[in-house]
Amino acid sequence: MRFLSMIRVDERRVQAPSEELMRDMGKLIEEMTRAGVLVSTAGLRPTAEGVRIRLRGGRLSTTDGPFAETKEVIGGFAILEASSMPEAIELTKRFLRVHGDEWDIECELRPLDGPEFGRRA
């Protein structure tokens, strides 16, 4: 099964990653990719560089970032290959542990749906 792990951050408090964190994260990504449990991962640029597209009542609208009403935003993601939710939880914990004690972040973990991801719709 595949899972989407979404890293939530408070964009007002996000800190720049240290060189040590970038090095440790690179090692973890390489290890998990080789093991076949990490399909893809990336950080996301700030909401100031984003756009929201909404469909409401049949009408489309767009709103340029930043999105002031949003406290927490998705700051990055990882697509994981795991045999179960408990395994995906442990993989996600590895990503969080790499950040150390000075970070205040959380991940939302959800299974991907559809036959190509290991679940039938």
C-alpha atoms as a PDB file:
ATOM      1  CA  MET A   1       0.000   0.000   0.000  1.00  0.00           C
ATOM      2  CA  ARG A   2       1.042   3.572  -0.536  1.00  0.00           C
ATOM      3  CA  PHE A   3       0.627   6.326   2.023  1.00  0.00           C
ATOM      4  CA  LEU A   4       0.911  10.094   1.837  1.00  0.00           C
ATOM      5  CA  SER A   5       2.718  11.656   4.785  1.00  0.00           C
ATOM      6  CA  MET A   6       2.090  15.418   4.843  1.00  0.00           C
ATOM      7  CA  ILE A   7       4.360  17.536   7.010  1.00  0.00           C
ATOM      8  CA  ARG A   8       2.436  20.333   8.697  1.00  0.00           C
ATOM      9  CA  VAL A   9       4.263  23.485   9.752  1.00  0.00           C
ATOM     10  CA  ASP A  10       3.347  26.854  11.192  1.00  0.00           C
ATOM     11  CA  GLU A  11       4.647  29.000   8.358  1.00  0.00           C
ATOM     12  CA  ARG A  12       5.052  31.995  10.681  1.00  0.00           C
ATOM     13  CA  ARG A  13       7.517  30.013  12.822  1.00  0.00           C
ATOM     14  CA  VAL A  14       9.258  27.816  10.284  1.00  0.00           C
ATOM     15  CA  GLN A  15      13.016  27.841  10.580  1.00  0.00           C
ATOM     16  CA  ALA A  16      15.637  27.273   7.938  1.00  0.00           C
ATOM     17  CA  PRO A  17      17.027  23.738   8.080  1.00  0.00           C
ATOM     18  CA  SER A  18      20.600  23.477   9.304  1.00  0.00           C
ATOM     19  CA  GLU A  19      23.356  21.940   7.215  1.00  0.00           C
ATOM     20  CA  GLU A  20      23.348  19.003   9.634  1.00  0.00           C
ATOM     21  CA  LEU A  21      19.619  18.449   9.136  1.00  0.00           C
ATOM     22  CA  MET A  22      19.975  18.618   5.361  1.00  0.00           C
ATOM     23  CA  ARG A  23      22.817  16.093   5.484  1.00  0.00           C
ATOM     24  CA  ASP A  24      20.930  13.740   7.837  1.00  0.00           C
ATOM     25  CA  MET A  25      17.733  14.057   5.786  1.00  0.00           C
ATOM     26  CA  GLY A  26      19.677  13.283   2.602  1.00  0.00           C
ATOM     27  CA  LYS A  27      21.071  10.110   4.202  1.00  0.00           C
ATOM     28  CA  LEU A  28      17.618   9.039   5.389  1.00  0.00           C
ATOM     29  CA  ILE A  29      16.031   9.695   1.986  1.00  0.00           C
ATOM     30  CA  GLU A  30      18.774   7.709   0.254  1.00  0.00           C
ATOM     31  CA  GLU A  31      18.429   4.812   2.703  1.00  0.00           C
ATOM     32  CA  MET A  32      14.627   4.670   2.491  1.00  0.00           C
ATOM     33  CA  THR A  33      14.667   4.966  -1.319  1.00  0.00           C
ATOM     34  CA  ARG A  34      17.142   2.069  -1.580  1.00  0.00           C
ATOM     35  CA  ALA A  35      14.961   0.016   0.770  1.00  0.00           C
ATOM     36  CA  GLY A  36      11.953   0.621  -1.503  1.00  0.00           C
ATOM     37  CA  VAL A  37       9.805   2.286   1.179  1.00  0.00           C
ATOM     38  CA  LEU A  38      10.144   5.879  -0.072  1.00  0.00           C
ATOM     39  CA  VAL A  39       8.539   6.565  -3.443  1.00  0.00           C
ATOM     40  CA  SER A  40       8.882  10.362  -3.534  1.00  0.00           C
ATOM     41  CA  THR A  41       9.445  13.314  -1.222  1.00  0.00           C
ATOM     42  CA  ALA A  42       9.768  17.078  -1.467  1.00  0.00           C
ATOM     43  CA  GLY A  43       9.460  20.262   0.509  1.00  0.00           C
ATOM     44  CA  LEU A  44       6.983  22.895  -0.566  1.00  0.00           C
ATOM     45  CA  ARG A  45       7.750  26.551  -1.232  1.00  0.00           C
ATOM     46  CA  PRO A  46       6.026  29.153   1.018  1.00  0.00           C
ATOM     47  CA  THR A  47       2.338  29.903   0.528  1.00  0.00           C
ATOM     48  CA  ALA A  48       3.343  33.405  -0.600  1.00  0.00           C
ATOM     49  CA  GLU A  49       4.414  31.717  -3.842  1.00  0.00           C
ATOM     50  CA  GLY A  50       1.239  29.664  -4.180  1.00  0.00           C
ATOM     51  CA  VAL A  51      -2.263  30.060  -5.557  1.00  0.00           C
ATOM     52  CA  ARG A  52      -5.538  28.524  -4.407  1.00  0.00           C
ATOM     53  CA  ILE A  53      -8.056  27.531  -7.052  1.00  0.00           C
ATOM     54  CA  ARG A  54     -11.601  27.039  -5.811  1.00  0.00           C
ATOM     55  CA  LEU A  55     -14.783  25.663  -7.359  1.00  0.00           C
ATOM     56  CA  ARG A  56     -17.858  26.905  -5.515  1.00  0.00           C
ATOM     57  CA  GLY A  57     -21.372  26.875  -6.901  1.00  0.00           C
ATOM     58  CA  GLY A  58     -20.070  26.069 -10.362  1.00  0.00           C
ATOM     59  CA  ARG A  59     -17.754  29.104 -10.416  1.00  0.00           C
ATOM     60  CA  LEU A  60     -13.963  28.948 -10.426  1.00  0.00           C
ATOM     61  CA  SER A  61     -11.851  31.521  -8.597  1.00  0.00           C
ATOM     62  CA  THR A  62      -8.180  31.933  -7.764  1.00  0.00           C
ATOM     63  CA  THR A  63      -6.522  33.547  -4.756  1.00  0.00           C
ATOM     64  CA  ASP A  64      -2.839  34.411  -4.635  1.00  0.00           C
ATOM     65  CA  GLY A  65      -0.857  33.531  -1.513  1.00  0.00           C
ATOM     66  CA  PRO A  66       0.072  34.081   1.177  1.00  0.00           C
ATOM     67  CA  PHE A  67      -2.981  32.693   2.904  1.00  0.00           C
ATOM     68  CA  ALA A  68      -3.148  34.692   6.127  1.00  0.00           C
ATOM     69  CA  GLU A  69      -6.103  32.776   7.564  1.00  0.00           C
ATOM     70  CA  THR A  70      -4.109  29.548   7.578  1.00  0.00           C
ATOM     71  CA  LYS A  71      -2.137  28.763  10.741  1.00  0.00           C
ATOM     72  CA  GLU A  72      -0.698  25.444   9.644  1.00  0.00           C
ATOM     73  CA  VAL A  73       0.203  24.544   6.094  1.00  0.00           C
ATOM     74  CA  ILE A  74       1.639  21.522   4.341  1.00  0.00           C
ATOM     75  CA  GLY A  75       5.381  22.169   4.243  1.00  0.00           C
ATOM     76  CA  GLY A  76       6.378  18.966   2.495  1.00  0.00           C
ATOM     77  CA  PHE A  77       5.322  15.438   1.711  1.00  0.00           C
ATOM     78  CA  ALA A  78       6.528  11.883   1.356  1.00  0.00           C
ATOM     79  CA  ILE A  79       4.858   9.050  -0.524  1.00  0.00           C
ATOM     80  CA  LEU A  80       5.631   5.842   1.323  1.00  0.00           C
ATOM     81  CA  GLU A  81       5.330   2.180   0.341  1.00  0.00           C
ATOM     82  CA  ALA A  82       4.342   0.120   3.385  1.00  0.00           C
ATOM     83  CA  SER A  83       2.489  -3.101   4.081  1.00  0.00           C
ATOM     84  CA  SER A  84       0.316  -1.542   6.809  1.00  0.00           C
ATOM     85  CA  MET A  85      -0.598   1.664   8.610  1.00  0.00           C
ATOM     86  CA  PRO A  86       1.622   0.751  11.595  1.00  0.00           C
ATOM     87  CA  GLU A  87       4.612   0.351   9.249  1.00  0.00           C
ATOM     88  CA  ALA A  88       3.830   3.694   7.563  1.00  0.00           C
ATOM     89  CA  ILE A  89       3.619   5.326  11.009  1.00  0.00           C
ATOM     90  CA  GLU A  90       7.091   4.045  11.883  1.00  0.00           C
ATOM     91  CA  LEU A  91       8.503   5.326   8.576  1.00  0.00           C
ATOM     92  CA  THR A  92       6.951   8.744   9.203  1.00  0.00           C
ATOM     93  CA  LYS A  93       8.407   8.813  12.718  1.00  0.00           C
ATOM     94  CA  ARG A  94      11.861   8.383  11.175  1.00  0.00           C
ATOM     95  CA  PHE A  95      11.365  11.601   9.183  1.00  0.00           C
ATOM     96  CA  LEU A  96      10.260  13.490  12.290  1.00  0.00           C
ATOM     97  CA  ARG A  97      13.094  12.158  14.482  1.00  0.00           C
ATOM     98  CA  VAL A  98      15.720  13.455  12.027  1.00  0.00           C
ATOM     99  CA  HIS A  99      14.594  17.028  12.808  1.00  0.00           C
ATOM    100  CA  GLY A 100      15.700  16.838  16.439  1.00  0.00           C
ATOM    101  CA  ASP A 101      14.343  18.623  19.493  1.00  0.00           C
ATOM    102  CA  GLU A 102      14.287  22.188  18.166  1.00  0.00           C
ATOM    103  CA  TRP A 103      11.515  21.642  15.593  1.00  0.00           C
ATOM    104  CA  ASP A 104       7.753  21.751  16.269  1.00  0.00           C
ATOM    105  CA  ILE A 105       6.152  19.916  13.342  1.00  0.00           C
ATOM    106  CA  GLU A 106       3.661  17.136  12.778  1.00  0.00           C
ATOM    107  CA  CYS A 107       2.682  14.816   9.963  1.00  0.00           C
ATOM    108  CA  GLU A 108      -0.726  13.754   8.763  1.00  0.00           C
ATOM    109  CA  LEU A 109      -0.572  10.220   7.357  1.00  0.00           C
ATOM    110  CA  ARG A 110      -3.262   8.891   5.008  1.00  0.00           C
ATOM    111  CA  PRO A 111      -3.515   5.877   2.721  1.00  0.00           C
ATOM    112  CA  LEU A 112      -3.711   6.601  -0.991  1.00  0.00           C
ATOM    113  CA  ASP A 113      -6.806   5.162  -2.620  1.00  0.00           C
ATOM    114  CA  GLY A 114      -7.337   3.377  -5.909  1.00  0.00           C
ATOM    115  CA  PRO A 115      -6.201   0.091  -7.452  1.00  0.00           C
ATOM    116  CA  GLU A 116      -2.817   1.456  -8.550  1.00  0.00           C
ATOM    117  CA  PHE A 117      -1.970   2.213  -4.899  1.00  0.00           C
ATOM    118  CA  GLY A 118      -2.920  -1.098  -3.302  1.00  0.00           C
ATOM    119  CA  ARG A 119      -6.534  -0.366  -2.366  1.00  0.00           C
ATOM    120  CA  ARG A 120      -9.674  -0.895  -4.325  1.00  0.00           C
ATOM    121  CA  ALA A 121     -12.009   2.062  -4.678  1.00  0.00           C
END
